[in-house]
C-alpha cells in the first residue's frame, strides 16, 4: 500500500472517531459535524484516486456520494437528521477503510 494512502486511512479513522464523539446539541457542534463530513468526503476521494482496484474505486465513490448527500440535505438548525445518519456515516467509513486495506494489501502481495 502506498504510504500516502495509508496516511489517508489513518485520517479516515481519526475523522470517524471525531464524528463518533461529537455532540450535536448546539449549532456550532452541528457545523463542526458537517465540516467533518466534508473532510471525510475529501479523504475518501483521495483514497479512491490512489487505489489501483477499480472495484474499490467504485465503492468509495458511492460512499462519497452518499455522505455528500447527507451533508447537502442536513442543516445546522436541526440535529435530528444528523443523529439519524450518524450510524450510517460511521459504518460507511469503517467499510471504506476495511475494503481499501483488504484489496490494496492484496494488490501489493500479487505484484
Foldseek 3Di string as FASTA:
>chain_A
DDPVLVVLLVVLVVLLVVLVPQDLPALVSVVVNLVSLVVNLVSLCVNLVPDPDPVLVVLSVVLSVVSVVLSVPDHSVDCPSVVVCSVVNSVSSVVSSVVSVVVRVVVVVVD
